[in-house]
N, C-alpha and C. Protein backbone atom coordinates (compact mmCIF):
# COMPACT_ATOMS: atom_id res chain seq x y z
N MET A 1 89.87 115.66 96.53
CA MET A 1 88.92 114.64 96.13
C MET A 1 87.58 115.31 95.87
N THR A 2 86.95 114.95 94.76
CA THR A 2 85.65 115.48 94.40
C THR A 2 84.58 114.47 94.77
N GLU A 3 83.50 114.93 95.39
CA GLU A 3 82.40 114.05 95.81
C GLU A 3 81.09 114.59 95.24
N ARG A 4 80.31 113.70 94.58
CA ARG A 4 79.06 114.12 93.96
C ARG A 4 77.93 113.19 94.36
N LEU A 5 76.71 113.74 94.39
CA LEU A 5 75.53 112.92 94.67
C LEU A 5 75.17 112.14 93.42
N LEU A 6 75.10 110.81 93.54
CA LEU A 6 74.79 109.93 92.42
C LEU A 6 73.29 109.69 92.28
N ALA A 7 72.63 109.39 93.38
CA ALA A 7 71.19 109.08 93.36
C ALA A 7 70.68 108.98 94.78
N GLU A 8 69.36 109.04 94.91
CA GLU A 8 68.69 108.78 96.18
C GLU A 8 67.67 107.69 95.95
N LYS A 9 67.70 106.67 96.80
CA LYS A 9 66.81 105.52 96.65
C LYS A 9 66.27 105.10 98.00
N ALA A 10 65.14 104.40 97.96
CA ALA A 10 64.57 103.81 99.16
C ALA A 10 64.89 102.32 99.15
N GLN A 11 65.16 101.76 100.31
CA GLN A 11 65.41 100.33 100.44
C GLN A 11 64.70 99.81 101.68
N GLY A 12 63.97 98.71 101.52
CA GLY A 12 63.27 98.10 102.64
C GLY A 12 64.23 97.51 103.66
N THR A 13 63.79 97.46 104.89
CA THR A 13 64.64 96.95 105.97
C THR A 13 64.94 95.45 105.82
N ASN A 14 64.13 94.74 105.06
CA ASN A 14 64.37 93.31 104.86
C ASN A 14 64.98 93.00 103.50
N GLU A 15 65.40 94.02 102.76
CA GLU A 15 65.97 93.82 101.42
C GLU A 15 67.49 93.73 101.46
N ASP A 16 68.04 93.02 100.47
CA ASP A 16 69.47 92.79 100.31
C ASP A 16 69.79 93.14 98.85
N ILE A 17 70.33 94.37 98.59
CA ILE A 17 70.44 94.88 97.23
C ILE A 17 71.86 95.35 96.92
N ALA A 18 72.34 94.98 95.72
CA ALA A 18 73.59 95.53 95.16
C ALA A 18 73.16 96.58 94.12
N TYR A 19 73.79 97.73 94.11
CA TYR A 19 73.44 98.81 93.19
C TYR A 19 74.50 98.95 92.11
N ALA A 20 74.07 99.09 90.86
CA ALA A 20 74.97 99.33 89.73
C ALA A 20 74.97 100.83 89.44
N VAL A 21 76.16 101.42 89.42
CA VAL A 21 76.30 102.86 89.21
C VAL A 21 77.22 103.07 88.01
N ASP A 22 76.71 103.78 87.00
CA ASP A 22 77.47 104.03 85.77
C ASP A 22 78.23 105.35 85.90
N PHE A 23 79.55 105.28 85.84
CA PHE A 23 80.41 106.46 85.95
C PHE A 23 80.87 106.98 84.59
N SER A 24 80.25 106.53 83.50
CA SER A 24 80.69 106.91 82.15
C SER A 24 80.74 108.42 81.94
N GLY A 25 79.82 109.14 82.55
CA GLY A 25 79.81 110.59 82.42
C GLY A 25 80.98 111.28 83.09
N TRP A 26 81.72 110.54 83.91
CA TRP A 26 82.85 111.10 84.64
C TRP A 26 84.17 110.86 83.93
N GLY A 27 84.22 109.85 83.06
CA GLY A 27 85.46 109.46 82.39
C GLY A 27 85.63 107.96 82.49
N THR A 28 86.85 107.48 82.26
CA THR A 28 87.13 106.04 82.30
C THR A 28 87.63 105.64 83.68
N VAL A 29 86.89 104.73 84.32
CA VAL A 29 87.24 104.26 85.66
C VAL A 29 88.32 103.19 85.54
N SER A 30 89.45 103.39 86.22
CA SER A 30 90.52 102.38 86.19
C SER A 30 90.45 101.45 87.39
N SER A 31 89.87 101.93 88.51
CA SER A 31 89.74 101.07 89.69
C SER A 31 88.73 101.64 90.67
N VAL A 32 88.23 100.75 91.52
CA VAL A 32 87.36 101.13 92.64
C VAL A 32 88.22 101.01 93.89
N THR A 33 88.39 102.10 94.62
CA THR A 33 89.25 102.04 95.80
C THR A 33 88.49 101.69 97.06
N SER A 34 87.19 102.07 97.14
CA SER A 34 86.41 101.69 98.32
C SER A 34 84.93 101.95 98.11
N VAL A 35 84.14 101.23 98.89
CA VAL A 35 82.71 101.47 99.03
C VAL A 35 82.43 101.41 100.52
N THR A 36 81.95 102.53 101.08
CA THR A 36 81.73 102.62 102.52
C THR A 36 80.29 103.05 102.78
N VAL A 37 79.64 102.37 103.73
CA VAL A 37 78.26 102.70 104.09
C VAL A 37 78.25 103.29 105.51
N THR A 38 77.64 104.51 105.65
CA THR A 38 77.47 105.11 106.96
C THR A 38 76.06 105.63 107.10
N PRO A 39 75.40 105.49 108.26
CA PRO A 39 75.89 104.66 109.35
C PRO A 39 76.04 103.21 108.89
N SER A 40 76.68 102.42 109.70
CA SER A 40 77.03 101.06 109.34
C SER A 40 75.82 100.23 108.93
N ALA A 41 76.01 99.43 107.87
CA ALA A 41 75.01 98.46 107.41
C ALA A 41 75.78 97.21 107.04
N THR A 42 75.05 96.14 106.81
CA THR A 42 75.69 94.88 106.44
C THR A 42 76.01 94.89 104.95
N THR A 43 77.26 94.54 104.59
CA THR A 43 77.64 94.39 103.19
C THR A 43 78.26 93.01 103.01
N THR A 44 78.13 92.49 101.79
CA THR A 44 78.70 91.17 101.51
C THR A 44 79.93 91.32 100.64
N GLU A 45 79.97 90.66 99.52
CA GLU A 45 81.15 90.62 98.64
C GLU A 45 81.70 92.01 98.32
N PRO A 46 82.94 92.09 97.82
CA PRO A 46 83.50 93.40 97.45
C PRO A 46 82.80 93.99 96.23
N ALA A 47 83.02 95.27 96.00
CA ALA A 47 82.49 95.93 94.82
C ALA A 47 83.15 95.36 93.57
N SER A 48 82.45 95.47 92.43
CA SER A 48 83.03 95.01 91.17
C SER A 48 82.97 96.14 90.15
N LEU A 49 83.83 96.04 89.15
CA LEU A 49 83.91 97.05 88.09
C LEU A 49 83.90 96.34 86.75
N VAL A 50 82.94 96.69 85.90
CA VAL A 50 82.88 96.20 84.52
C VAL A 50 82.69 97.41 83.63
N GLY A 51 83.70 97.71 82.81
CA GLY A 51 83.66 98.94 82.03
C GLY A 51 83.71 100.12 82.99
N ASN A 52 82.71 100.97 82.92
CA ASN A 52 82.61 102.11 83.83
C ASN A 52 81.50 101.95 84.85
N VAL A 53 80.98 100.72 84.97
CA VAL A 53 79.88 100.47 85.90
C VAL A 53 80.41 99.78 87.16
N VAL A 54 80.21 100.44 88.30
CA VAL A 54 80.59 99.89 89.59
C VAL A 54 79.34 99.25 90.19
N THR A 55 79.46 98.00 90.62
CA THR A 55 78.38 97.34 91.34
C THR A 55 78.80 97.24 92.80
N THR A 56 77.99 97.81 93.67
CA THR A 56 78.30 97.81 95.10
C THR A 56 78.15 96.41 95.67
N PRO A 57 78.71 96.17 96.84
CA PRO A 57 78.37 94.94 97.55
C PRO A 57 76.87 94.95 97.84
N LYS A 58 76.29 93.78 98.11
CA LYS A 58 74.90 93.75 98.55
C LYS A 58 74.83 94.46 99.91
N ILE A 59 73.84 95.33 100.03
CA ILE A 59 73.66 96.12 101.25
C ILE A 59 72.37 95.67 101.92
N SER A 60 72.44 95.41 103.22
CA SER A 60 71.25 94.98 103.96
C SER A 60 71.36 95.45 105.40
N GLY A 61 70.32 95.17 106.18
CA GLY A 61 70.34 95.52 107.60
C GLY A 61 70.04 96.98 107.86
N LEU A 62 69.33 97.64 106.94
CA LEU A 62 68.99 99.05 107.14
C LEU A 62 67.86 99.18 108.16
N SER A 63 67.83 100.30 108.83
CA SER A 63 66.78 100.60 109.81
C SER A 63 65.79 101.59 109.20
N SER A 64 64.52 101.40 109.48
CA SER A 64 63.47 102.27 108.96
C SER A 64 63.68 103.71 109.43
N GLY A 65 63.53 104.65 108.48
CA GLY A 65 63.63 106.07 108.81
C GLY A 65 65.04 106.63 108.85
N VAL A 66 66.04 105.78 108.64
CA VAL A 66 67.44 106.23 108.70
C VAL A 66 67.94 106.50 107.27
N LEU A 67 68.68 107.59 107.10
CA LEU A 67 69.29 107.93 105.82
C LEU A 67 70.73 107.45 105.82
N TYR A 68 71.09 106.63 104.85
CA TYR A 68 72.43 106.05 104.74
C TYR A 68 73.16 106.68 103.56
N SER A 69 74.47 106.82 103.69
CA SER A 69 75.32 107.30 102.60
C SER A 69 76.24 106.16 102.18
N VAL A 70 76.20 105.86 100.89
CA VAL A 70 77.11 104.86 100.32
C VAL A 70 78.14 105.64 99.52
N LEU A 71 79.35 105.74 100.05
CA LEU A 71 80.43 106.50 99.42
C LEU A 71 81.21 105.56 98.51
N ILE A 72 81.19 105.83 97.21
CA ILE A 72 81.90 105.01 96.22
C ILE A 72 83.08 105.83 95.72
N THR A 73 84.29 105.34 95.96
CA THR A 73 85.50 106.05 95.56
C THR A 73 86.17 105.29 94.43
N VAL A 74 86.45 106.03 93.34
CA VAL A 74 87.04 105.44 92.13
C VAL A 74 88.23 106.27 91.67
N VAL A 75 89.04 105.68 90.80
CA VAL A 75 90.14 106.41 90.17
C VAL A 75 89.79 106.59 88.70
N ILE A 76 89.79 107.85 88.25
CA ILE A 76 89.48 108.21 86.87
C ILE A 76 90.60 109.11 86.36
N SER A 77 91.30 108.66 85.33
CA SER A 77 92.40 109.43 84.74
C SER A 77 93.41 109.87 85.80
N GLY A 78 93.70 108.99 86.74
CA GLY A 78 94.67 109.28 87.78
C GLY A 78 94.14 110.11 88.94
N ASN A 79 92.89 110.54 88.86
CA ASN A 79 92.28 111.35 89.91
C ASN A 79 91.36 110.50 90.78
N THR A 80 91.42 110.67 92.09
CA THR A 80 90.53 109.98 93.01
C THR A 80 89.26 110.81 93.14
N MET A 81 88.11 110.17 92.83
CA MET A 81 86.83 110.86 92.87
C MET A 81 85.83 110.00 93.63
N SER A 82 84.88 110.65 94.31
CA SER A 82 83.88 109.93 95.06
C SER A 82 82.48 110.40 94.71
N GLY A 83 81.58 109.44 94.72
CA GLY A 83 80.17 109.72 94.53
C GLY A 83 79.40 109.13 95.68
N VAL A 84 78.28 109.74 96.02
CA VAL A 84 77.47 109.29 97.14
C VAL A 84 76.10 108.84 96.64
N LEU A 85 75.74 107.63 97.03
CA LEU A 85 74.41 107.09 96.81
C LEU A 85 73.69 107.17 98.15
N ARG A 86 72.56 107.86 98.21
CA ARG A 86 71.81 107.98 99.45
C ARG A 86 70.71 106.92 99.48
N LEU A 87 70.66 106.18 100.57
CA LEU A 87 69.62 105.17 100.76
C LEU A 87 68.79 105.52 101.98
N ARG A 88 67.48 105.46 101.82
CA ARG A 88 66.57 105.71 102.93
C ARG A 88 65.95 104.38 103.35
N GLY A 89 66.17 103.97 104.58
CA GLY A 89 65.60 102.73 105.07
C GLY A 89 64.10 102.86 105.26
N GLU A 90 63.36 101.87 104.73
CA GLU A 90 61.89 101.88 104.87
C GLU A 90 61.41 100.58 105.43
């Protein structure tokens, strides 16, 4: 499995945000297998896929000063690949 850094963003501790991530540069996404946040944060609905854009569940409940990893795992041309979105709680 290949894992790449997608982006680094700041998110306020009182914010509830879903992130759209475009995987077009990687190939054609056939499915999203998982979205995992560590350390644990609150997530709502499942991830969605439209074209090659994955929209994460809304993420909330972050703690100030903590760095979170949002691991997005997709299938592209039969290969399982993962990208990491880093969120810094503010």
